[in-house]
N, C-alpha and C. Protein backbone atom coordinates (compact mmCIF):
# COMPACT_ATOMS: atom_id res chain seq x y z
N MET A 1 89.11 105.97 83.77
CA MET A 1 88.26 105.71 84.92
C MET A 1 89.08 105.86 86.20
N GLN A 2 88.52 106.53 87.16
CA GLN A 2 89.22 106.75 88.42
C GLN A 2 89.24 105.46 89.24
N GLN A 3 90.41 105.16 89.77
CA GLN A 3 90.55 103.96 90.59
C GLN A 3 89.92 104.21 91.96
N THR A 4 89.10 103.28 92.42
CA THR A 4 88.51 103.41 93.74
C THR A 4 89.28 102.54 94.70
N LEU A 5 89.42 103.02 95.90
CA LEU A 5 90.16 102.31 96.92
C LEU A 5 89.20 101.57 97.83
N ASN A 6 89.48 100.33 98.08
CA ASN A 6 88.72 99.57 99.05
C ASN A 6 89.17 100.04 100.43
N PRO A 7 88.27 100.57 101.24
CA PRO A 7 88.68 101.10 102.55
C PRO A 7 89.38 100.08 103.43
N HIS A 8 89.01 98.79 103.30
CA HIS A 8 89.66 97.76 104.11
C HIS A 8 91.11 97.57 103.69
N GLU A 9 91.35 97.54 102.38
CA GLU A 9 92.72 97.42 101.88
C GLU A 9 93.52 98.67 102.21
N LEU A 10 92.87 99.82 102.10
CA LEU A 10 93.55 101.07 102.40
C LEU A 10 93.98 101.13 103.86
N ASN A 11 93.13 100.64 104.75
CA ASN A 11 93.47 100.65 106.16
C ASN A 11 94.71 99.79 106.43
N ASP A 12 94.82 98.65 105.76
CA ASP A 12 96.02 97.83 105.89
C ASP A 12 97.24 98.58 105.39
N PHE A 13 97.08 99.27 104.26
CA PHE A 13 98.16 100.07 103.69
C PHE A 13 98.57 101.18 104.65
N LEU A 14 97.58 101.84 105.24
CA LEU A 14 97.86 102.95 106.16
C LEU A 14 98.68 102.50 107.36
N SER A 15 98.40 101.32 107.86
CA SER A 15 99.09 100.87 109.06
C SER A 15 100.56 100.54 108.79
N LYS A 16 100.94 100.43 107.51
CA LYS A 16 102.32 100.06 107.17
C LYS A 16 103.10 101.17 106.49
N THR A 17 102.54 102.36 106.39
CA THR A 17 103.14 103.45 105.62
C THR A 17 103.27 104.70 106.48
N PRO A 18 104.36 105.47 106.29
CA PRO A 18 104.49 106.73 107.05
C PRO A 18 103.30 107.66 106.80
N LEU A 19 102.82 108.30 107.85
CA LEU A 19 101.58 109.07 107.80
C LEU A 19 101.60 110.21 106.80
N ASN A 20 102.68 110.99 106.73
CA ASN A 20 102.69 112.14 105.82
C ASN A 20 102.55 111.70 104.37
N TYR A 21 103.14 110.58 104.00
CA TYR A 21 103.00 110.07 102.63
C TYR A 21 101.57 109.62 102.37
N VAL A 22 101.03 108.92 103.33
CA VAL A 22 99.68 108.37 103.19
C VAL A 22 98.66 109.47 102.98
N MET A 23 98.68 110.49 103.81
CA MET A 23 97.65 111.52 103.75
C MET A 23 97.68 112.28 102.43
N ASP A 24 98.86 112.43 101.83
CA ASP A 24 98.95 113.13 100.54
C ASP A 24 98.46 112.27 99.38
N GLU A 25 98.33 110.98 99.58
CA GLU A 25 97.88 110.07 98.53
C GLU A 25 96.37 109.87 98.51
N ILE A 26 95.66 110.35 99.52
CA ILE A 26 94.22 110.15 99.61
C ILE A 26 93.52 111.33 98.94
N PRO A 27 92.74 111.08 97.88
CA PRO A 27 92.13 112.19 97.13
C PRO A 27 91.27 113.12 97.98
N GLU A 28 90.51 112.56 98.92
CA GLU A 28 89.64 113.39 99.75
C GLU A 28 90.47 114.36 100.61
N VAL A 29 91.57 113.86 101.14
CA VAL A 29 92.42 114.70 101.99
C VAL A 29 93.06 115.79 101.15
N THR A 30 93.51 115.44 99.95
CA THR A 30 94.13 116.43 99.07
C THR A 30 93.14 117.55 98.72
N LEU A 31 91.92 117.19 98.36
CA LEU A 31 90.91 118.21 98.03
C LEU A 31 90.55 119.06 99.25
N ALA A 32 90.39 118.41 100.40
CA ALA A 32 90.05 119.16 101.62
C ALA A 32 91.17 120.13 101.98
N LYS A 33 92.42 119.71 101.77
CA LYS A 33 93.56 120.60 102.03
C LYS A 33 93.55 121.79 101.07
N LYS A 34 93.21 121.55 99.81
CA LYS A 34 93.15 122.65 98.82
C LYS A 34 92.09 123.68 99.22
N ILE A 35 90.94 123.21 99.68
CA ILE A 35 89.88 124.12 100.12
C ILE A 35 90.36 124.92 101.31
N GLN A 36 90.97 124.24 102.28
CA GLN A 36 91.46 124.90 103.48
C GLN A 36 92.53 125.94 103.13
N LEU A 37 93.44 125.60 102.24
CA LEU A 37 94.50 126.52 101.82
C LEU A 37 93.93 127.75 101.11
N ALA A 38 92.96 127.53 100.23
CA ALA A 38 92.33 128.65 99.52
C ALA A 38 91.66 129.61 100.50
N LEU A 39 91.02 129.05 101.52
CA LEU A 39 90.38 129.92 102.53
C LEU A 39 91.42 130.66 103.36
N GLN A 40 92.52 130.01 103.68
CA GLN A 40 93.58 130.69 104.43
C GLN A 40 94.16 131.85 103.62
N GLN A 41 94.30 131.64 102.32
CA GLN A 41 94.83 132.71 101.47
C GLN A 41 93.84 133.87 101.34
N ALA A 42 92.57 133.60 101.56
CA ALA A 42 91.55 134.66 101.50
C ALA A 42 91.46 135.47 102.78
N HIS A 43 92.14 135.04 103.82
CA HIS A 43 92.04 135.69 105.13
C HIS A 43 92.34 137.20 105.07
N PRO A 44 93.43 137.65 104.44
CA PRO A 44 93.68 139.10 104.39
C PRO A 44 92.55 139.88 103.72
N TYR A 45 91.98 139.31 102.66
CA TYR A 45 90.87 139.96 101.96
C TYR A 45 89.68 140.14 102.90
N VAL A 46 89.37 139.09 103.64
CA VAL A 46 88.22 139.12 104.54
C VAL A 46 88.46 140.09 105.69
N MET A 47 89.67 140.14 106.20
CA MET A 47 89.97 141.02 107.34
C MET A 47 89.82 142.50 106.96
N GLU A 48 89.97 142.81 105.69
CA GLU A 48 89.77 144.19 105.24
C GLU A 48 88.29 144.55 105.12
N ARG A 49 87.42 143.57 105.20
CA ARG A 49 85.98 143.76 105.07
C ARG A 49 85.30 143.14 106.30
N PRO A 50 85.14 143.92 107.36
CA PRO A 50 84.64 143.39 108.63
C PRO A 50 83.29 142.66 108.53
N ARG A 51 82.46 143.00 107.57
CA ARG A 51 81.15 142.34 107.50
C ARG A 51 81.27 140.86 107.16
N TRP A 52 82.42 140.41 106.63
CA TRP A 52 82.62 139.01 106.28
C TRP A 52 83.37 138.22 107.36
N ASN A 53 83.71 138.84 108.47
CA ASN A 53 84.49 138.15 109.51
C ASN A 53 83.75 136.92 110.07
N ASN A 54 82.48 137.08 110.41
CA ASN A 54 81.73 135.95 110.96
C ASN A 54 81.57 134.83 109.92
N TRP A 55 81.33 135.22 108.68
CA TRP A 55 81.24 134.24 107.60
C TRP A 55 82.54 133.45 107.49
N TYR A 56 83.65 134.16 107.52
CA TYR A 56 84.96 133.51 107.39
C TYR A 56 85.22 132.54 108.54
N ASP A 57 84.88 132.95 109.76
CA ASP A 57 85.06 132.06 110.91
C ASP A 57 84.27 130.77 110.72
N GLN A 58 83.04 130.89 110.26
CA GLN A 58 82.17 129.73 110.08
C GLN A 58 82.68 128.80 108.99
N VAL A 59 83.00 129.34 107.83
CA VAL A 59 83.44 128.50 106.71
C VAL A 59 84.81 127.89 107.00
N SER A 60 85.66 128.59 107.71
CA SER A 60 86.98 128.05 108.07
C SER A 60 86.84 126.88 109.04
N ARG A 61 85.98 127.05 110.02
CA ARG A 61 85.77 125.97 111.00
C ARG A 61 85.19 124.74 110.32
N ALA A 62 84.20 124.95 109.48
CA ALA A 62 83.56 123.81 108.80
C ALA A 62 84.53 123.11 107.85
N SER A 63 85.33 123.87 107.11
CA SER A 63 86.27 123.23 106.17
C SER A 63 87.37 122.48 106.90
N LEU A 64 87.81 123.00 108.03
CA LEU A 64 88.79 122.28 108.83
C LEU A 64 88.19 120.99 109.38
N SER A 65 86.94 121.05 109.78
CA SER A 65 86.25 119.87 110.30
C SER A 65 86.12 118.79 109.22
N VAL A 66 85.91 119.19 107.98
CA VAL A 66 85.86 118.22 106.87
C VAL A 66 87.19 117.48 106.79
N LEU A 67 88.27 118.23 106.75
CA LEU A 67 89.61 117.63 106.66
C LEU A 67 89.89 116.70 107.83
N LEU A 68 89.58 117.14 109.03
CA LEU A 68 89.88 116.34 110.22
C LEU A 68 89.02 115.08 110.30
N ASN A 69 87.75 115.17 109.94
CA ASN A 69 86.89 113.98 110.00
C ASN A 69 87.27 112.94 108.96
N ILE A 70 87.64 113.39 107.77
CA ILE A 70 88.09 112.44 106.74
C ILE A 70 89.37 111.76 107.22
N SER A 71 90.30 112.54 107.74
CA SER A 71 91.56 111.97 108.22
C SER A 71 91.31 111.00 109.37
N GLN A 72 90.44 111.38 110.28
CA GLN A 72 90.11 110.51 111.41
C GLN A 72 89.49 109.20 110.92
N GLY A 73 88.61 109.29 109.95
CA GLY A 73 87.96 108.10 109.42
C GLY A 73 88.96 107.12 108.83
N TYR A 74 89.96 107.63 108.13
CA TYR A 74 90.96 106.74 107.56
C TYR A 74 91.87 106.13 108.62
N GLY A 75 91.89 106.69 109.79
CA GLY A 75 92.71 106.14 110.86
C GLY A 75 92.01 105.08 111.69
N LYS A 76 90.75 104.84 111.42
CA LYS A 76 89.98 103.89 112.23
C LYS A 76 90.07 102.48 111.68
N ALA A 77 89.64 101.55 112.50
CA ALA A 77 89.66 100.13 112.12
C ALA A 77 88.66 99.86 111.02
N ARG A 78 88.84 98.75 110.37
CA ARG A 78 87.99 98.35 109.24
C ARG A 78 86.50 98.50 109.53
N GLY A 79 85.82 99.17 108.62
CA GLY A 79 84.37 99.24 108.68
C GLY A 79 83.79 100.21 109.68
N TYR A 80 84.62 100.86 110.47
CA TYR A 80 84.10 101.72 111.53
C TYR A 80 84.22 103.21 111.20
N PHE A 81 84.55 103.54 109.98
CA PHE A 81 84.82 104.93 109.64
C PHE A 81 83.71 105.61 108.86
N VAL A 82 82.67 104.90 108.50
CA VAL A 82 81.59 105.51 107.72
C VAL A 82 80.97 106.67 108.48
N SER A 83 80.85 106.56 109.78
CA SER A 83 80.26 107.66 110.56
C SER A 83 81.10 108.93 110.43
N ASP A 84 82.44 108.80 110.38
CA ASP A 84 83.28 109.98 110.20
C ASP A 84 83.09 110.60 108.81
N PHE A 85 82.91 109.75 107.80
CA PHE A 85 82.65 110.26 106.46
C PHE A 85 81.29 110.95 106.40
N MET A 86 80.31 110.45 107.12
CA MET A 86 79.00 111.08 107.13
C MET A 86 79.06 112.44 107.84
N ILE A 87 79.83 112.52 108.90
CA ILE A 87 80.01 113.81 109.58
C ILE A 87 80.75 114.77 108.65
N ALA A 88 81.79 114.29 107.97
CA ALA A 88 82.52 115.12 107.02
C ALA A 88 81.61 115.63 105.91
N ARG A 89 80.71 114.74 105.45
CA ARG A 89 79.77 115.16 104.40
C ARG A 89 78.85 116.28 104.90
N GLY A 90 78.36 116.16 106.12
CA GLY A 90 77.53 117.22 106.69
C GLY A 90 78.28 118.53 106.79
N GLU A 91 79.52 118.47 107.24
CA GLU A 91 80.34 119.68 107.33
C GLU A 91 80.63 120.25 105.95
N LEU A 92 80.83 119.36 104.97
CA LEU A 92 81.08 119.80 103.60
C LEU A 92 79.86 120.52 103.03
N TYR A 93 78.67 120.02 103.35
CA TYR A 93 77.46 120.70 102.91
C TYR A 93 77.34 122.07 103.58
N GLU A 94 77.81 122.16 104.82
CA GLU A 94 77.83 123.47 105.48
C GLU A 94 78.80 124.41 104.77
N VAL A 95 79.95 123.91 104.37
CA VAL A 95 80.90 124.72 103.60
C VAL A 95 80.23 125.18 102.30
N GLY A 96 79.53 124.27 101.65
CA GLY A 96 78.84 124.63 100.41
C GLY A 96 77.80 125.72 100.62
N ALA A 97 77.08 125.64 101.73
CA ALA A 97 76.09 126.68 102.03
C ALA A 97 76.79 128.02 102.28
N CYS A 98 77.89 127.98 103.00
CA CYS A 98 78.65 129.22 103.25
C CYS A 98 79.17 129.81 101.94
N ILE A 99 79.66 128.94 101.07
CA ILE A 99 80.20 129.39 99.79
C ILE A 99 79.11 130.02 98.93
N SER A 100 77.90 129.52 99.05
CA SER A 100 76.81 130.05 98.23
C SER A 100 76.42 131.47 98.62
N CYS A 101 76.79 131.90 99.81
CA CYS A 101 76.42 133.26 100.22
C CYS A 101 77.62 134.12 100.59
N GLY A 102 78.82 133.66 100.27
CA GLY A 102 80.03 134.42 100.60
C GLY A 102 80.46 135.35 99.48
N PRO A 103 81.58 136.04 99.69
CA PRO A 103 82.09 136.95 98.64
C PRO A 103 82.45 136.17 97.37
N PRO A 104 81.87 136.55 96.23
CA PRO A 104 82.07 135.78 94.99
C PRO A 104 83.54 135.63 94.59
N GLU A 105 84.35 136.64 94.84
CA GLU A 105 85.76 136.55 94.42
C GLU A 105 86.52 135.46 95.18
N ILE A 106 86.03 135.08 96.35
CA ILE A 106 86.63 133.98 97.11
C ILE A 106 85.92 132.66 96.78
N CYS A 107 84.62 132.72 96.65
CA CYS A 107 83.80 131.51 96.60
C CYS A 107 83.76 130.82 95.24
N GLU A 108 83.75 131.56 94.17
CA GLU A 108 83.61 130.95 92.85
C GLU A 108 84.70 129.92 92.55
N PRO A 109 85.98 130.20 92.85
CA PRO A 109 87.00 129.17 92.58
C PRO A 109 86.87 127.93 93.45
N LEU A 110 86.18 128.03 94.59
CA LEU A 110 86.05 126.90 95.50
C LEU A 110 84.93 125.94 95.11
N LYS A 111 83.96 126.41 94.36
CA LYS A 111 82.80 125.57 94.04
C LYS A 111 83.16 124.25 93.37
N PRO A 112 84.03 124.24 92.35
CA PRO A 112 84.37 122.95 91.73
C PRO A 112 85.08 121.99 92.70
N LEU A 113 85.92 122.53 93.57
CA LEU A 113 86.61 121.68 94.55
C LEU A 113 85.61 121.04 95.50
N ILE A 114 84.64 121.83 95.95
CA ILE A 114 83.64 121.32 96.88
C ILE A 114 82.78 120.25 96.21
N LEU A 115 82.39 120.48 94.97
CA LEU A 115 81.59 119.48 94.25
C LEU A 115 82.37 118.18 94.04
N ASP A 116 83.65 118.29 93.68
CA ASP A 116 84.48 117.09 93.49
C ASP A 116 84.62 116.32 94.80
N LEU A 117 84.86 117.04 95.88
CA LEU A 117 85.02 116.38 97.18
C LEU A 117 83.71 115.73 97.62
N ALA A 118 82.59 116.39 97.37
CA ALA A 118 81.29 115.81 97.74
C ALA A 118 81.04 114.51 96.97
N LYS A 119 81.39 114.47 95.68
CA LYS A 119 81.22 113.25 94.89
C LYS A 119 82.04 112.10 95.48
N ILE A 120 83.29 112.39 95.83
CA ILE A 120 84.16 111.33 96.36
C ILE A 120 83.66 110.84 97.71
N VAL A 121 83.31 111.76 98.59
CA VAL A 121 82.84 111.38 99.93
C VAL A 121 81.54 110.57 99.82
N ASN A 122 80.62 111.00 98.96
CA ASN A 122 79.38 110.25 98.77
C ASN A 122 79.65 108.85 98.23
N GLN A 123 80.62 108.73 97.31
CA GLN A 123 80.99 107.41 96.79
C GLN A 123 81.54 106.53 97.90
N ARG A 124 82.40 107.10 98.72
CA ARG A 124 83.00 106.31 99.82
C ARG A 124 81.91 105.77 100.74
N ILE A 125 80.94 106.61 101.05
CA ILE A 125 79.86 106.19 101.95
C ILE A 125 79.03 105.10 101.29
N ALA A 126 78.67 105.32 100.02
CA ALA A 126 77.80 104.37 99.32
C ALA A 126 78.49 103.03 99.04
N LEU A 127 79.78 103.04 98.76
CA LEU A 127 80.47 101.82 98.35
C LEU A 127 81.15 101.06 99.48
N THR A 128 81.12 101.61 100.68
CA THR A 128 81.77 100.94 101.79
C THR A 128 80.92 99.78 102.26
N PRO A 129 81.51 98.60 102.30
CA PRO A 129 80.75 97.45 102.79
C PRO A 129 80.42 97.62 104.27
N GLU A 130 79.45 96.86 104.71
CA GLU A 130 79.09 96.94 106.12
C GLU A 130 80.26 96.48 106.97
N LYS A 131 80.17 96.79 108.26
CA LYS A 131 81.22 96.40 109.19
C LYS A 131 81.41 94.89 109.14
N PRO A 132 82.67 94.46 109.24
CA PRO A 132 82.89 93.00 109.32
C PRO A 132 82.26 92.45 110.59
N PRO A 133 81.82 91.20 110.56
CA PRO A 133 81.19 90.65 111.76
C PRO A 133 82.16 90.58 112.93
N THR A 134 81.64 90.74 114.11
CA THR A 134 82.45 90.64 115.32
C THR A 134 82.39 89.19 115.80
N TYR A 135 83.54 88.65 116.03
CA TYR A 135 83.62 87.26 116.50
C TYR A 135 83.93 87.25 117.98
N ARG A 136 83.20 86.45 118.69
CA ARG A 136 83.44 86.30 120.13
C ARG A 136 84.18 85.00 120.36
N ARG A 137 85.08 85.04 121.30
CA ARG A 137 85.82 83.83 121.65
C ARG A 137 85.31 83.23 122.90
């Protein structure tokens, strides 16, 4: 069974750990990086086929946005990062739509990564407790 991280505990961990180590330990970030790397490696292939240039620009932008929003969410205070995960999920669905109509030789290997990342992001959103109450002094 996969261990799930409590976002509140993770945020405490993040504040005490060097950033490069932390980001490599987060499953969502690792998967988003793999998707981004696979698309970067496809760049020469796409540049040889001008009809895919606009598609590549769109899917690259959306996949980078997934990575950045997930990373930004983990950098926020307790309970305030669900909105970043929801934005990342929307961008991930955009990547999925792009993959469904892109060149098969690039897109087929990415489908399992996108599905795995979508499952994790959806779990994070569903299992995150509501924001802690704000106390006034």
